[in-house]
Amino acid sequence: MFVRLANQHRQFVQDLVMNLQALATVLERQGYLASCYTCGDQMNSASFMVSLGENHLIRFLVSDYGITWTEMRDDRELMKLEGAEAISQLQELANLVKFQVKPADQQLTLANTAR
């Protein structure tokens, strides 16, 4: 059972890394500064970052050790989430991109919408 769960987790992380790479590409095409770096060919970890406007930064980290979402403005941490909550917040960002809403133009930050 545990071997099966470990394999499922590895596949989940790889899928998440591939989606982060795609999201970074879409954001770059829309004019945002975005990047997604992976370590090695096995795609078992990634560091995703996007600047949503003046001094507004999102950092999403995924690895076998965990998943974190950090949102910062003016070099201050607004919000830090882990696990499922971090993935839900990533979905909010993806929805903004999908519906072509400019996050920097919104009255509320992503941190305010999560509360």
Protein backbone atom coordinates (compact mmCIF):
# COMPACT_ATOMS: atom_id res chain seq x y z
CA MET A 1 0.00 0.00 0.00
CA PHE A 2 2.73 2.49 0.92
CA VAL A 3 4.66 1.91 -2.29
CA ARG A 4 1.49 2.64 -4.26
CA LEU A 5 0.91 5.85 -2.28
CA ALA A 6 4.51 6.95 -2.81
CA ASN A 7 4.18 6.40 -6.56
CA GLN A 8 0.89 8.33 -6.65
CA HIS A 9 2.51 11.20 -4.77
CA ARG A 10 5.45 11.30 -7.20
CA GLN A 11 3.04 11.39 -10.14
CA PHE A 12 1.02 14.16 -8.47
CA VAL A 13 4.17 16.28 -7.96
CA GLN A 14 5.24 15.72 -11.57
CA ASP A 15 1.79 16.75 -12.84
CA LEU A 16 1.87 19.85 -10.66
CA VAL A 17 5.35 20.78 -11.94
CA MET A 18 4.21 20.44 -15.57
CA ASN A 19 1.19 22.65 -14.86
CA LEU A 20 3.39 25.26 -13.18
CA GLN A 21 5.62 25.36 -16.25
CA ALA A 22 2.58 25.86 -18.49
CA LEU A 23 1.19 28.58 -16.21
CA ALA A 24 4.53 30.43 -16.28
CA THR A 25 4.54 30.30 -20.08
CA VAL A 26 0.99 31.67 -20.31
CA LEU A 27 1.75 34.44 -17.83
CA GLU A 28 4.89 35.42 -19.76
CA ARG A 29 2.85 35.63 -22.97
CA GLN A 30 0.44 37.96 -21.20
CA GLY A 31 3.29 40.27 -20.24
CA TYR A 32 4.00 39.21 -16.66
CA LEU A 33 7.45 38.43 -15.32
CA ALA A 34 7.11 34.72 -14.54
CA SER A 35 9.45 31.77 -14.20
CA CYS A 36 9.37 28.11 -13.28
CA TYR A 37 12.60 26.31 -12.47
CA THR A 38 12.91 22.58 -11.95
CA CYS A 39 15.72 20.54 -10.52
CA GLY A 40 16.87 17.74 -12.80
CA ASP A 41 15.00 15.78 -15.42
CA GLN A 42 12.71 13.89 -13.05
CA MET A 43 10.47 16.92 -12.42
CA ASN A 44 10.16 16.13 -8.70
CA SER A 45 10.41 19.77 -7.57
CA ALA A 46 9.87 23.27 -8.88
CA SER A 47 10.10 26.90 -7.94
CA PHE A 48 7.46 29.09 -9.60
CA MET A 49 7.49 32.87 -9.29
CA VAL A 50 5.40 35.63 -10.85
CA SER A 51 5.36 39.38 -10.41
CA LEU A 52 1.76 40.64 -10.48
CA GLY A 53 2.66 44.29 -10.46
CA GLU A 54 4.68 46.82 -8.60
CA ASN A 55 6.32 45.02 -5.66
CA HIS A 56 3.68 42.22 -5.70
CA LEU A 57 5.23 38.75 -5.91
CA ILE A 58 3.89 35.21 -5.75
CA ARG A 59 6.19 32.28 -5.00
CA PHE A 60 4.99 28.68 -5.23
CA LEU A 61 7.31 25.85 -4.26
CA VAL A 62 6.61 22.16 -4.77
CA SER A 63 8.76 19.16 -3.88
CA ASP A 64 8.50 15.76 -2.24
CA TYR A 65 8.76 17.60 1.07
CA GLY A 66 5.76 19.85 0.63
CA ILE A 67 3.93 22.57 -1.22
CA THR A 68 3.93 26.26 -0.26
CA TRP A 69 2.37 29.45 -1.62
CA THR A 70 3.83 32.76 -0.47
CA GLU A 71 2.42 36.12 -1.49
CA MET A 72 4.50 39.22 -0.83
CA ARG A 73 4.08 42.93 -1.35
CA ASP A 74 6.81 45.49 -0.70
CA ASP A 75 9.09 42.66 0.54
CA ARG A 76 6.60 41.78 3.29
CA GLU A 77 4.86 38.45 3.47
CA LEU A 78 1.09 38.85 3.13
CA MET A 79 0.16 35.21 3.16
CA LYS A 80 1.80 31.81 3.37
CA LEU A 81 -0.17 28.65 2.70
CA GLU A 82 0.77 25.00 2.54
CA GLY A 83 -0.64 21.85 0.99
CA ALA A 84 -4.20 21.87 -0.32
CA GLU A 85 -4.70 25.54 0.63
CA ALA A 86 -1.65 26.49 -1.45
CA ILE A 87 -2.98 24.56 -4.43
CA SER A 88 -6.39 26.23 -4.07
CA GLN A 89 -4.74 29.64 -4.17
CA LEU A 90 -2.78 28.58 -7.25
CA GLN A 91 -6.13 27.70 -8.85
CA GLU A 92 -7.33 31.25 -8.13
CA LEU A 93 -4.30 32.60 -9.97
CA ALA A 94 -4.93 30.21 -12.87
CA ASN A 95 -8.57 31.36 -13.01
CA LEU A 96 -7.45 34.99 -13.24
CA VAL A 97 -5.25 34.04 -16.18
CA LYS A 98 -7.94 31.90 -17.76
CA PHE A 99 -10.48 34.71 -17.69
CA GLN A 100 -7.77 37.24 -18.64
CA VAL A 101 -8.29 39.38 -15.55
CA LYS A 102 -5.23 41.46 -14.81
CA PRO A 103 -4.39 40.64 -11.16
CA ALA A 104 -2.58 43.97 -10.71
CA ASP A 105 -5.75 45.83 -11.79
CA GLN A 106 -7.93 44.28 -9.10
CA GLN A 107 -8.90 46.23 -6.03
CA LEU A 108 -8.14 43.22 -3.81
CA THR A 109 -4.99 41.18 -3.71
CA LEU A 110 -5.16 37.41 -3.89
CA ALA A 111 -4.44 37.39 -0.17
CA ASN A 112 -7.59 39.39 0.55
CA THR A 113 -9.79 37.11 -1.55
CA ALA A 114 -8.68 34.05 0.39
CA ARG A 115 -10.00 35.41 3.68
